[in-house]
């Protein structure tokens, strides 16, 4: 029989590592680029992307992509520019 022991400190180190931050940032930046491509030439500063260290679950990296101006809000509400970008 194999016994697996959960190592909370080890998982926390993984979730808070620079490598995990880089991985999350890469995905967030890719989603933002796809969402910006979905603007179809609208005058806009594009969507925003950020990666922060949150307190959720003891601390981990979390990424966000969101609207920045009226053009990005319209692109999402009418054409689902960001939603499509998330679903790849």
N, C-alpha and C. Protein backbone atom coordinates (compact mmCIF):
# COMPACT_ATOMS: atom_id res chain seq x y z
N UNK A 1 0.84 -1.18 0.00
CA UNK A 1 0.00 0.00 0.00
C UNK A 1 0.88 1.24 0.00
N UNK A 2 0.52 2.21 -0.85
CA UNK A 2 1.26 3.47 -0.93
C UNK A 2 0.52 4.51 -0.12
N UNK A 3 1.27 5.22 0.67
CA UNK A 3 0.68 6.28 1.48
C UNK A 3 1.21 7.62 0.99
N UNK A 4 0.29 8.51 0.70
CA UNK A 4 0.67 9.85 0.25
C UNK A 4 0.35 10.82 1.37
N UNK A 5 1.34 11.63 1.71
CA UNK A 5 1.17 12.60 2.78
C UNK A 5 1.15 14.00 2.19
N UNK A 6 0.12 14.76 2.51
CA UNK A 6 -0.04 16.12 2.02
C UNK A 6 0.97 17.02 2.72
N UNK A 7 1.71 17.80 1.93
CA UNK A 7 2.72 18.70 2.46
C UNK A 7 2.28 20.14 2.21
N UNK A 8 1.57 20.72 3.16
CA UNK A 8 1.03 22.08 3.00
C UNK A 8 2.10 23.11 2.69
N UNK A 9 3.20 23.07 3.42
CA UNK A 9 4.27 24.04 3.20
C UNK A 9 4.86 23.90 1.80
N UNK A 10 5.00 22.67 1.34
CA UNK A 10 5.52 22.43 0.00
C UNK A 10 4.59 22.97 -1.08
N UNK A 11 3.29 22.72 -0.94
CA UNK A 11 2.33 23.25 -1.91
C UNK A 11 2.31 24.77 -1.88
N UNK A 12 2.41 25.35 -0.71
CA UNK A 12 2.42 26.82 -0.60
C UNK A 12 3.65 27.39 -1.32
N UNK A 13 4.79 26.74 -1.16
CA UNK A 13 6.00 27.19 -1.85
C UNK A 13 5.82 27.12 -3.36
N UNK A 14 5.20 26.05 -3.84
CA UNK A 14 4.94 25.93 -5.28
C UNK A 14 3.99 27.01 -5.77
N UNK A 15 2.89 27.22 -5.05
CA UNK A 15 1.88 28.19 -5.48
C UNK A 15 2.40 29.62 -5.45
N UNK A 16 3.38 29.91 -4.60
CA UNK A 16 3.89 31.26 -4.44
C UNK A 16 5.23 31.48 -5.16
N UNK A 17 5.69 30.49 -5.91
CA UNK A 17 7.01 30.57 -6.54
C UNK A 17 7.03 31.51 -7.74
N UNK A 18 8.22 31.95 -8.11
CA UNK A 18 8.39 32.78 -9.30
C UNK A 18 7.99 32.02 -10.56
N UNK A 19 8.23 30.73 -10.58
CA UNK A 19 7.87 29.92 -11.74
C UNK A 19 6.35 29.89 -11.94
N UNK A 20 5.60 29.78 -10.85
CA UNK A 20 4.14 29.79 -10.94
C UNK A 20 3.65 31.16 -11.37
N UNK A 21 4.26 32.22 -10.84
CA UNK A 21 3.90 33.59 -11.26
C UNK A 21 4.13 33.74 -12.76
N UNK A 22 5.24 33.25 -13.25
CA UNK A 22 5.56 33.35 -14.66
C UNK A 22 4.55 32.57 -15.52
N UNK A 23 4.17 31.40 -15.06
CA UNK A 23 3.18 30.58 -15.77
C UNK A 23 1.83 31.29 -15.84
N UNK A 24 1.38 31.81 -14.71
CA UNK A 24 0.10 32.53 -14.66
C UNK A 24 0.16 33.78 -15.54
N UNK A 25 1.24 34.54 -15.44
CA UNK A 25 1.38 35.76 -16.26
C UNK A 25 1.35 35.43 -17.75
N UNK A 26 1.98 34.34 -18.13
CA UNK A 26 1.97 33.93 -19.53
C UNK A 26 0.57 33.66 -20.04
N UNK A 27 -0.23 32.97 -19.24
CA UNK A 27 -1.61 32.68 -19.63
C UNK A 27 -2.44 33.97 -19.68
N UNK A 28 -2.26 34.83 -18.70
CA UNK A 28 -3.01 36.10 -18.64
C UNK A 28 -2.65 36.97 -19.85
N UNK A 29 -1.36 37.05 -20.18
CA UNK A 29 -0.93 37.85 -21.33
C UNK A 29 -1.48 37.29 -22.64
N UNK A 30 -1.54 35.97 -22.76
CA UNK A 30 -2.09 35.34 -23.97
C UNK A 30 -3.58 35.62 -24.11
N UNK A 31 -4.31 35.56 -23.00
CA UNK A 31 -5.75 35.87 -23.04
C UNK A 31 -5.95 37.32 -23.44
N UNK A 32 -5.16 38.23 -22.86
CA UNK A 32 -5.27 39.65 -23.20
C UNK A 32 -4.99 39.87 -24.69
N UNK A 33 -3.97 39.23 -25.22
CA UNK A 33 -3.64 39.40 -26.64
C UNK A 33 -4.78 38.91 -27.53
N UNK A 34 -5.38 37.77 -27.18
CA UNK A 34 -6.51 37.26 -27.96
C UNK A 34 -7.71 38.21 -27.85
N UNK A 35 -7.96 38.73 -26.65
CA UNK A 35 -9.07 39.66 -26.47
C UNK A 35 -8.83 40.95 -27.25
N UNK A 36 -7.61 41.46 -27.22
CA UNK A 36 -7.28 42.67 -27.99
C UNK A 36 -7.48 42.43 -29.49
N UNK A 37 -7.13 41.24 -29.95
CA UNK A 37 -7.31 40.90 -31.37
C UNK A 37 -8.80 40.88 -31.74
N UNK A 38 -9.65 40.62 -30.77
CA UNK A 38 -11.10 40.57 -31.00
C UNK A 38 -11.75 41.96 -31.02
N UNK A 39 -10.97 43.02 -30.82
CA UNK A 39 -11.52 44.37 -30.84
C UNK A 39 -11.85 44.82 -32.26
N UNK A 40 -11.33 44.14 -33.25
CA UNK A 40 -11.65 44.42 -34.65
C UNK A 40 -11.44 45.88 -35.04
N UNK A 41 -10.29 46.44 -34.65
CA UNK A 41 -9.93 47.78 -35.08
C UNK A 41 -10.58 48.93 -34.32
N UNK A 42 -11.31 48.65 -33.27
CA UNK A 42 -11.93 49.72 -32.49
C UNK A 42 -10.87 50.59 -31.84
N UNK A 43 -11.12 51.89 -31.75
CA UNK A 43 -10.23 52.81 -31.04
C UNK A 43 -10.26 52.45 -29.56
N UNK A 44 -9.16 51.93 -29.05
CA UNK A 44 -9.13 51.46 -27.67
C UNK A 44 -7.71 51.33 -27.18
N UNK A 45 -7.55 51.41 -25.88
CA UNK A 45 -6.25 51.11 -25.28
C UNK A 45 -6.09 49.61 -25.04
N UNK A 46 -7.12 48.85 -25.36
CA UNK A 46 -7.07 47.39 -25.21
C UNK A 46 -7.49 46.96 -23.81
N UNK A 47 -7.54 45.66 -23.65
CA UNK A 47 -7.88 45.09 -22.35
C UNK A 47 -6.68 45.20 -21.41
N UNK A 48 -6.91 45.06 -20.13
CA UNK A 48 -5.82 45.11 -19.15
C UNK A 48 -5.53 43.70 -18.65
N UNK A 49 -4.29 43.48 -18.27
CA UNK A 49 -3.88 42.19 -17.71
C UNK A 49 -2.98 42.45 -16.51
N UNK A 50 -3.20 41.68 -15.46
CA UNK A 50 -2.33 41.82 -14.28
C UNK A 50 -2.29 40.50 -13.53
N UNK A 51 -1.19 40.31 -12.85
CA UNK A 51 -0.99 39.13 -12.02
C UNK A 51 -0.61 39.64 -10.64
N UNK A 52 -1.33 39.17 -9.63
CA UNK A 52 -1.07 39.62 -8.26
C UNK A 52 -0.95 38.41 -7.34
N UNK A 53 -0.33 38.64 -6.21
CA UNK A 53 -0.28 37.61 -5.18
C UNK A 53 -1.44 37.88 -4.22
N UNK A 54 -2.37 36.95 -4.17
CA UNK A 54 -3.55 37.14 -3.34
C UNK A 54 -3.38 36.46 -1.99
N UNK A 55 -4.33 36.69 -1.13
CA UNK A 55 -4.33 36.04 0.17
C UNK A 55 -5.19 34.79 0.18
N UNK A 56 -5.86 34.52 -0.96
CA UNK A 56 -6.78 33.39 -1.05
C UNK A 56 -6.02 32.08 -0.92
N UNK A 57 -6.52 31.19 -0.12
CA UNK A 57 -5.91 29.87 0.04
C UNK A 57 -4.54 29.91 0.68
N UNK A 58 -4.26 30.93 1.45
CA UNK A 58 -2.96 31.04 2.09
C UNK A 58 -1.95 31.79 1.26
N UNK A 59 -2.36 32.30 0.13
CA UNK A 59 -1.49 33.07 -0.76
C UNK A 59 -1.16 32.28 -2.00
N UNK A 60 -1.40 32.88 -3.15
CA UNK A 60 -1.06 32.28 -4.44
C UNK A 60 -1.15 33.37 -5.50
N UNK A 61 -0.57 33.10 -6.65
CA UNK A 61 -0.64 34.02 -7.77
C UNK A 61 -1.98 33.89 -8.47
N UNK A 62 -2.57 35.03 -8.81
CA UNK A 62 -3.87 35.07 -9.48
C UNK A 62 -3.76 36.07 -10.63
N UNK A 63 -4.34 35.71 -11.78
CA UNK A 63 -4.31 36.59 -12.94
C UNK A 63 -5.68 37.13 -13.27
N UNK A 64 -5.71 38.35 -13.78
CA UNK A 64 -6.95 39.02 -14.16
C UNK A 64 -6.80 39.66 -15.53
N UNK A 65 -7.82 39.57 -16.34
CA UNK A 65 -7.91 40.34 -17.59
C UNK A 65 -9.25 41.05 -17.55
N UNK A 66 -9.25 42.34 -17.86
CA UNK A 66 -10.50 43.08 -17.77
C UNK A 66 -10.57 44.22 -18.77
N UNK A 67 -11.71 44.87 -18.78
CA UNK A 67 -11.93 46.00 -19.67
C UNK A 67 -11.23 47.24 -19.15
N UNK A 68 -10.95 48.17 -20.06
CA UNK A 68 -10.26 49.40 -19.67
C UNK A 68 -11.00 50.66 -20.10
N UNK A 69 -11.84 50.53 -21.12
CA UNK A 69 -12.51 51.70 -21.66
C UNK A 69 -13.84 51.27 -22.28
N UNK A 70 -14.56 52.24 -22.83
CA UNK A 70 -15.88 51.94 -23.40
C UNK A 70 -15.77 50.94 -24.56
N UNK A 71 -14.73 51.05 -25.37
CA UNK A 71 -14.59 50.13 -26.52
C UNK A 71 -14.44 48.69 -26.06
N UNK A 72 -13.67 48.45 -25.01
CA UNK A 72 -13.51 47.07 -24.52
C UNK A 72 -14.78 46.58 -23.85
N UNK A 73 -15.49 47.48 -23.17
CA UNK A 73 -16.76 47.09 -22.56
C UNK A 73 -17.79 46.72 -23.63
N UNK A 74 -17.85 47.51 -24.69
CA UNK A 74 -18.78 47.21 -25.78
C UNK A 74 -18.37 45.91 -26.48
N UNK A 75 -17.07 45.75 -26.73
CA UNK A 75 -16.58 44.54 -27.41
C UNK A 75 -16.95 43.28 -26.62
N UNK A 76 -16.89 43.37 -25.31
CA UNK A 76 -17.26 42.21 -24.50
C UNK A 76 -18.78 42.04 -24.45
N UNK A 77 -19.51 43.11 -24.23
CA UNK A 77 -20.96 42.97 -24.08
C UNK A 77 -21.66 42.58 -25.38
N UNK A 78 -21.16 43.07 -26.51
CA UNK A 78 -21.83 42.78 -27.78
C UNK A 78 -21.21 41.61 -28.54
N UNK A 79 -19.88 41.47 -28.48
CA UNK A 79 -19.20 40.45 -29.28
C UNK A 79 -18.51 39.36 -28.45
N UNK A 80 -18.55 39.50 -27.12
CA UNK A 80 -17.90 38.54 -26.22
C UNK A 80 -16.40 38.40 -26.52
N UNK A 81 -15.75 39.55 -26.76
CA UNK A 81 -14.33 39.57 -27.12
C UNK A 81 -13.45 38.89 -26.06
N UNK A 82 -13.70 39.18 -24.80
CA UNK A 82 -12.91 38.59 -23.71
C UNK A 82 -13.34 37.15 -23.44
N UNK A 83 -14.62 36.91 -23.44
CA UNK A 83 -15.12 35.55 -23.21
C UNK A 83 -14.55 34.58 -24.24
N UNK A 84 -14.55 34.98 -25.51
CA UNK A 84 -13.98 34.14 -26.56
C UNK A 84 -12.49 33.92 -26.34
N UNK A 85 -11.80 34.96 -25.88
CA UNK A 85 -10.36 34.86 -25.64
C UNK A 85 -10.05 33.87 -24.52
N UNK A 86 -10.88 33.85 -23.50
CA UNK A 86 -10.68 32.92 -22.39
C UNK A 86 -10.87 31.47 -22.85
N UNK A 87 -11.84 31.27 -23.70
CA UNK A 87 -12.15 29.93 -24.18
C UNK A 87 -11.26 29.51 -25.33
N UNK A 88 -10.32 30.39 -25.69
CA UNK A 88 -9.26 30.11 -26.60
C UNK A 88 -9.48 29.87 -28.01
